[in-house]
Amino acid sequence: MKPGAIGIGAQKCMTSWVHALAAAHPGIAASTPKEVDFFSYHFDRGYAWYERHFPDDGRLGFEASPSYLHDPRAPLRAAAYAPDLRILVLLRDPVERAYSNHLHEIAKGHFPNTTFAEGIANNPAYVEQGLYATHLRRWFDHFPRENILCLLVEEIRTDTARAAAMVYQFLGVDPDHRSGVIDERRNESDRARLPALRTVLRAGGDTARRLGLEESLLRIKRAPGIAQMLKANSIPLRDEVPPPAPDDIARLRAIFAPEVEALAKLLGRGALPWPGYETRGAGADRTAALCAAARI
């Protein structure tokens, strides 16, 4: 079955939340795994492989792959496959996103516990993925505006119930459906005190979700004893990794300022809820900006 909608990112912008939100709705068949990455990394596997990720049961198929936003090949491939796809994109303050990306890489073991500046110098993708206007413009070039919904993380967090209703309305399912996942934090940047315990618990959770037991799983996770155990086994990386230095934040904001301005215009918004960006003009040399970021 062809999916009717896809989430395209960005990475570390609540895409796990929106996938869980979709999976919790009886009218939506969310993919397993969450990130299929077909239009980016696995396009050579073919349409049949892709469609096996969605049950042919009449529900709306949905998957969320953050790689789609920044991969320049993805928009054209998706439009050629299904020109009526609905595209859901979530964004956040690009400096915050870059720092969260840094924590994510440390949590995955890709980097040692190092400073944000050292992470950027080692991985310029932290900055490249935050060029939202550049990436999103390609999607607007291939899909009609009414097929794209862009939500901002900062606004989702102020009213998750309203954001959930907007997502469901956009996806064409009952917007009044309510689920406990609406207020659940997903994919936090942390490490486990006991990795083996987390592996076992997550395997059980994945099995429960595949069986459609998301709500039951939520009740178990919030039960006395279980909630305390989960919290005790989690060490937030923000407690261990140094925060961004003020100079690093200032440099990144200068790099992202043209993109923030261009994004606001692209979305038809007068401003975005991301303070501290002094616009240098949308025509700034992004290549030079990326080079400057790599030297932070």
Protein backbone atom coordinates (compact mmCIF):
# COMPACT_ATOMS: atom_id res chain seq x y z
CA MET A 1 0.00 0.00 0.00
CA LYS A 2 1.26 3.46 -0.83
CA PRO A 3 1.57 5.79 2.16
CA GLY A 4 -0.60 8.87 2.05
CA ALA A 5 1.70 11.09 4.10
CA ILE A 6 5.31 11.35 5.20
CA GLY A 7 7.17 13.28 7.87
CA ILE A 8 10.36 14.81 6.49
CA GLY A 9 12.11 16.11 9.61
CA ALA A 10 14.08 17.92 10.69
CA GLN A 11 16.21 15.68 12.87
CA LYS A 12 15.77 16.33 16.61
CA CYS A 13 12.53 18.22 15.99
CA MET A 14 9.95 15.93 17.64
CA THR A 15 9.63 13.59 14.66
CA SER A 16 9.49 10.64 17.08
CA TRP A 17 6.57 12.36 18.81
CA VAL A 18 4.68 12.89 15.57
CA HIS A 19 5.27 9.28 14.49
CA ALA A 20 3.97 8.04 17.85
CA LEU A 21 1.02 10.41 17.49
CA ALA A 22 0.23 8.92 14.10
CA ALA A 23 0.60 5.36 15.38
CA ALA A 24 -1.84 6.09 18.21
CA HIS A 25 -4.65 7.06 15.81
CA PRO A 26 -6.96 4.21 14.70
CA GLY A 27 -7.14 5.67 11.20
CA ILE A 28 -3.37 5.72 10.60
CA ALA A 29 -0.96 2.86 9.94
CA ALA A 30 2.47 4.10 11.01
CA SER A 31 5.50 2.34 9.61
CA THR A 32 7.82 0.01 11.46
CA PRO A 33 10.50 1.23 11.81
CA LYS A 34 9.72 4.91 12.12
CA GLU A 35 12.44 5.97 9.66
CA VAL A 36 12.21 4.05 6.40
CA ASP A 37 14.60 6.45 4.59
CA PHE A 38 13.37 5.24 1.21
CA PHE A 39 13.51 8.51 -0.75
CA SER A 40 16.99 9.23 0.61
CA TYR A 41 19.18 6.25 1.44
CA HIS A 42 17.24 3.17 0.24
CA PHE A 43 15.67 4.25 -3.04
CA ASP A 44 17.48 1.46 -4.87
CA ARG A 45 15.39 -1.12 -3.00
CA GLY A 46 12.34 -0.26 -5.05
CA TYR A 47 8.70 0.62 -4.52
CA ALA A 48 7.62 -2.88 -3.51
CA TRP A 49 10.15 -2.92 -0.66
CA TYR A 50 8.92 0.48 0.49
CA GLU A 51 5.25 -0.44 0.40
CA ARG A 52 5.81 -3.54 2.53
CA HIS A 53 6.25 -1.17 5.47
CA PHE A 54 2.53 -0.26 5.37
CA PRO A 55 -0.37 -2.68 5.91
CA ASP A 56 -2.99 -2.78 3.17
CA ASP A 57 -5.95 -2.37 5.52
CA GLY A 58 -7.53 0.88 4.39
CA ARG A 59 -5.78 3.09 6.94
CA LEU A 60 -3.55 6.02 6.01
CA GLY A 61 0.07 4.92 5.75
CA PHE A 62 2.60 7.21 7.41
CA GLU A 63 6.35 7.22 8.03
CA ALA A 64 8.77 9.87 9.30
CA SER A 65 12.34 10.06 8.00
CA PRO A 66 14.30 13.20 8.95
CA SER A 67 16.82 12.50 6.17
CA TYR A 68 14.20 13.56 3.61
CA LEU A 69 14.41 17.24 4.51
CA HIS A 70 18.09 17.74 3.78
CA ASP A 71 18.59 15.12 1.05
CA PRO A 72 18.25 17.05 -2.25
CA ARG A 73 17.11 13.92 -4.10
CA ALA A 74 14.13 13.20 -1.88
CA PRO A 75 11.56 15.80 -3.06
CA LEU A 76 11.70 14.83 -6.74
CA ARG A 77 11.68 11.11 -5.93
CA ALA A 78 8.68 11.50 -3.62
CA ALA A 79 6.75 13.63 -6.11
CA ALA A 80 7.39 11.13 -8.91
CA TYR A 81 6.19 8.31 -6.68
CA ALA A 82 3.05 9.97 -5.33
CA PRO A 83 2.39 13.61 -6.31
CA ASP A 84 -0.53 13.83 -3.87
CA LEU A 85 1.53 12.93 -0.77
CA ARG A 86 0.93 15.08 2.28
CA ILE A 87 4.20 16.39 3.69
CA LEU A 88 4.57 17.07 7.41
CA VAL A 89 7.63 19.02 8.55
CA LEU A 90 8.66 19.99 12.08
CA LEU A 91 11.33 22.62 12.77
CA ARG A 92 12.89 24.30 15.81
CA ASP A 93 15.39 27.03 16.58
CA PRO A 94 18.33 25.89 14.39
CA VAL A 95 20.96 26.53 17.06
CA GLU A 96 18.98 24.48 19.59
CA ARG A 97 18.54 21.79 16.95
CA ALA A 98 22.29 21.70 16.27
CA TYR A 99 23.11 21.32 19.97
CA SER A 100 20.49 18.58 20.35
CA ASN A 101 22.06 16.90 17.31
CA HIS A 102 25.40 17.02 19.13
CA LEU A 103 23.89 15.37 22.21
CA HIS A 104 22.28 12.73 19.99
CA GLU A 105 25.62 11.82 18.39
CA ILE A 106 27.21 11.44 21.82
CA ALA A 107 24.28 9.33 23.03
CA LYS A 108 24.69 7.06 20.01
CA GLY A 109 28.39 6.66 20.72
CA HIS A 110 29.43 8.31 17.46
CA PHE A 111 31.43 10.96 19.33
CA PRO A 112 33.07 11.04 22.76
CA ASN A 113 31.81 13.50 25.33
CA THR A 114 33.19 16.63 23.71
CA THR A 115 32.27 20.29 23.49
CA PHE A 116 29.68 21.60 21.08
CA ALA A 117 32.36 23.62 19.24
CA GLU A 118 34.47 20.49 18.73
CA GLY A 119 31.38 18.62 17.52
CA ILE A 120 30.64 21.23 14.87
CA ALA A 121 34.25 21.29 13.72
CA ASN A 122 34.10 17.52 13.30
CA ASN A 123 30.61 17.31 11.76
CA PRO A 124 29.45 20.25 9.59
CA ALA A 125 26.15 18.42 9.07
CA TYR A 126 25.08 19.99 12.37
CA VAL A 127 24.89 23.29 10.50
CA GLU A 128 23.88 21.97 7.08
CA GLN A 129 20.73 20.35 8.46
CA GLY A 130 19.65 23.71 9.90
CA LEU A 131 19.46 25.45 6.52
CA TYR A 132 15.71 25.05 6.64
CA ALA A 133 14.68 27.48 3.90
CA THR A 134 17.14 26.00 1.43
CA HIS A 135 15.89 22.48 2.07
CA LEU A 136 12.18 23.22 2.39
CA ARG A 137 12.11 25.30 -0.77
CA ARG A 138 12.86 22.16 -2.79
CA TRP A 139 9.75 20.51 -1.35
CA PHE A 140 7.63 23.54 -2.24
CA ASP A 141 9.03 23.28 -5.76
CA HIS A 142 7.60 19.77 -6.14
CA PHE A 143 4.42 19.78 -4.04
CA PRO A 144 1.53 22.24 -3.82
CA ARG A 145 1.53 24.45 -0.77
CA GLU A 146 -1.67 22.91 0.58
CA ASN A 147 0.08 19.53 0.73
CA ILE A 148 2.73 20.77 3.18
CA LEU A 149 2.19 21.48 6.86
CA CYS A 150 5.05 23.04 8.82
CA LEU A 151 4.88 23.10 12.62
CA LEU A 152 7.42 24.62 15.00
CA VAL A 153 8.54 22.68 18.05
CA GLU A 154 8.36 25.73 20.31
CA GLU A 155 4.69 26.21 19.42
CA ILE A 156 3.87 22.51 19.70
CA ARG A 157 5.17 22.49 23.26
CA THR A 158 2.94 25.38 24.31
CA ASP A 159 -0.21 23.43 23.33
CA THR A 160 0.39 19.81 22.38
CA ALA A 161 -3.33 19.00 22.17
CA ARG A 162 -3.91 21.76 19.62
CA ALA A 163 -0.84 20.66 17.63
CA ALA A 164 -2.05 17.05 17.63
CA ALA A 165 -5.45 18.13 16.32
CA MET A 166 -3.74 20.12 13.56
CA VAL A 167 -1.69 17.08 12.56
CA TYR A 168 -4.73 14.81 12.46
CA GLN A 169 -6.76 17.39 10.55
CA PHE A 170 -3.98 17.75 7.98
CA LEU A 171 -3.69 13.98 7.60
CA GLY A 172 -7.43 13.69 6.98
CA VAL A 173 -8.37 11.65 10.05
CA ASP A 174 -10.57 12.42 13.04
CA PRO A 175 -8.92 15.46 14.71
CA ASP A 176 -10.76 14.88 17.99
CA HIS A 177 -8.93 11.64 18.79
CA ARG A 178 -7.02 11.86 22.06
CA SER A 179 -4.09 9.74 23.15
CA GLY A 180 -1.70 9.71 26.07
CA VAL A 181 1.24 10.05 23.67
CA ILE A 182 0.32 13.72 23.12
CA ASP A 183 2.16 14.79 26.26
CA GLU A 184 4.91 12.16 26.23
CA ARG A 185 8.51 13.18 25.57
CA ARG A 186 10.24 10.98 23.00
CA ASN A 187 13.82 10.31 21.98
CA GLU A 188 15.38 12.29 24.82
CA SER A 189 19.15 12.85 24.69
CA ASP A 190 20.33 10.69 27.56
CA ARG A 191 22.32 7.59 28.36
CA ALA A 192 21.31 4.57 30.40
CA ARG A 193 22.95 3.66 33.69
CA LEU A 194 22.15 0.04 32.83
CA PRO A 195 22.19 -0.30 29.01
CA ALA A 196 21.08 -3.94 29.10
CA LEU A 197 17.95 -3.00 31.05
CA ARG A 198 17.08 -0.31 28.52
CA THR A 199 17.59 -2.72 25.63
CA VAL A 200 15.20 -5.24 27.15
CA LEU A 201 12.57 -2.62 27.99
CA ARG A 202 12.71 -1.03 24.56
CA ALA A 203 12.38 -4.39 22.84
CA GLY A 204 9.26 -5.05 24.88
CA GLY A 205 7.91 -1.60 24.07
CA ASP A 206 8.48 -2.07 20.35
CA THR A 207 6.61 -5.37 20.46
CA ALA A 208 3.69 -3.76 22.29
CA ARG A 209 3.50 -0.95 19.71
CA ARG A 210 3.46 -3.42 16.82
CA LEU A 211 0.52 -5.14 18.50
CA GLY A 212 -1.36 -1.86 18.78
CA LEU A 213 -0.94 -1.65 22.56
CA GLU A 214 0.45 1.89 22.73
CA GLU A 215 -2.10 3.11 25.29
CA SER A 216 -1.54 0.07 27.51
CA LEU A 217 2.20 0.63 27.27
CA LEU A 218 1.77 4.21 28.38
CA ARG A 219 -0.17 3.14 31.47
CA ILE A 220 2.55 0.64 32.35
CA LYS A 221 5.31 3.23 31.95
CA ARG A 222 3.46 5.64 34.25
CA ALA A 223 2.68 3.06 36.91
CA PRO A 224 4.29 3.51 40.36
CA GLY A 225 7.65 1.82 40.46
CA ILE A 226 8.02 1.55 36.69
CA ALA A 227 8.16 5.32 36.20
CA GLN A 228 10.73 5.67 38.98
CA MET A 229 12.83 2.85 37.51
CA LEU A 230 12.85 4.43 34.06
CA LYS A 231 13.84 7.79 35.50
CA ALA A 232 16.57 6.30 37.66
CA ASN A 233 18.06 4.53 34.65
CA SER A 234 18.25 7.75 32.63
CA ILE A 235 21.15 10.20 32.81
CA PRO A 236 20.38 13.39 30.82
CA LEU A 237 23.34 14.27 28.61
CA ARG A 238 22.70 17.97 29.21
CA ASP A 239 23.97 17.30 32.74
CA GLU A 240 27.27 15.93 31.41
CA VAL A 241 27.99 17.72 28.12
CA PRO A 242 29.08 21.38 28.35
CA PRO A 243 26.44 23.82 27.04
CA PRO A 244 27.21 25.91 23.94
CA ALA A 245 29.54 28.81 24.62
CA PRO A 246 28.08 32.29 23.98
CA ASP A 247 30.51 32.91 21.11
CA ASP A 248 29.46 29.66 19.45
CA ILE A 249 25.79 30.62 19.72
CA ALA A 250 26.48 34.07 18.26
CA ARG A 251 28.38 32.65 15.28
CA LEU A 252 25.70 30.09 14.53
CA ARG A 253 22.94 32.66 14.77
CA ALA A 254 24.79 34.83 12.27
CA ILE A 255 25.05 31.86 9.92
CA PHE A 256 21.41 30.90 10.28
CA ALA A 257 19.97 34.43 10.19
CA PRO A 258 19.48 34.55 6.38
CA GLU A 259 17.82 31.15 6.50
CA VAL A 260 15.50 32.18 9.32
CA GLU A 261 14.46 35.27 7.37
CA ALA A 262 13.94 33.27 4.18
CA LEU A 263 11.96 30.60 6.04
CA ALA A 264 9.58 33.17 7.52
CA LYS A 265 8.90 34.50 4.01
CA LEU A 266 8.49 30.99 2.61
CA LEU A 267 5.92 30.15 5.27
CA GLY A 268 4.16 33.49 4.95
CA ARG A 269 4.91 34.44 8.55
CA GLY A 270 6.02 37.84 9.78
CA ALA A 271 8.33 36.33 12.38
CA LEU A 272 9.36 33.04 13.94
CA PRO A 273 9.57 32.33 17.70
CA TRP A 274 13.37 32.17 17.60
CA PRO A 275 14.91 35.27 19.19
CA GLY A 276 18.46 36.45 18.69
CA TYR A 277 18.82 36.25 14.91
CA GLU A 278 20.14 39.42 13.33
CA THR A 279 19.31 39.24 9.65
CA ARG A 280 22.19 39.75 7.26
CA GLY A 281 20.02 39.23 4.20
CA ALA A 282 18.80 36.04 2.57
CA GLY A 283 21.42 36.30 -0.17
CA ALA A 284 24.37 35.67 2.15
CA ASP A 285 27.02 33.25 0.97
CA ARG A 286 25.98 29.99 2.63
CA THR A 287 29.12 28.17 1.54
CA ALA A 288 31.29 30.68 3.39
CA ALA A 289 28.97 30.40 6.36
CA LEU A 290 29.42 26.64 6.51
CA CYS A 291 33.18 27.02 6.35
CA ALA A 292 33.06 29.54 9.19
CA ALA A 293 30.96 27.12 11.24
CA ALA A 294 33.47 24.33 10.75
CA ARG A 295 36.17 26.51 12.32
CA ILE A 296 34.21 27.25 15.51
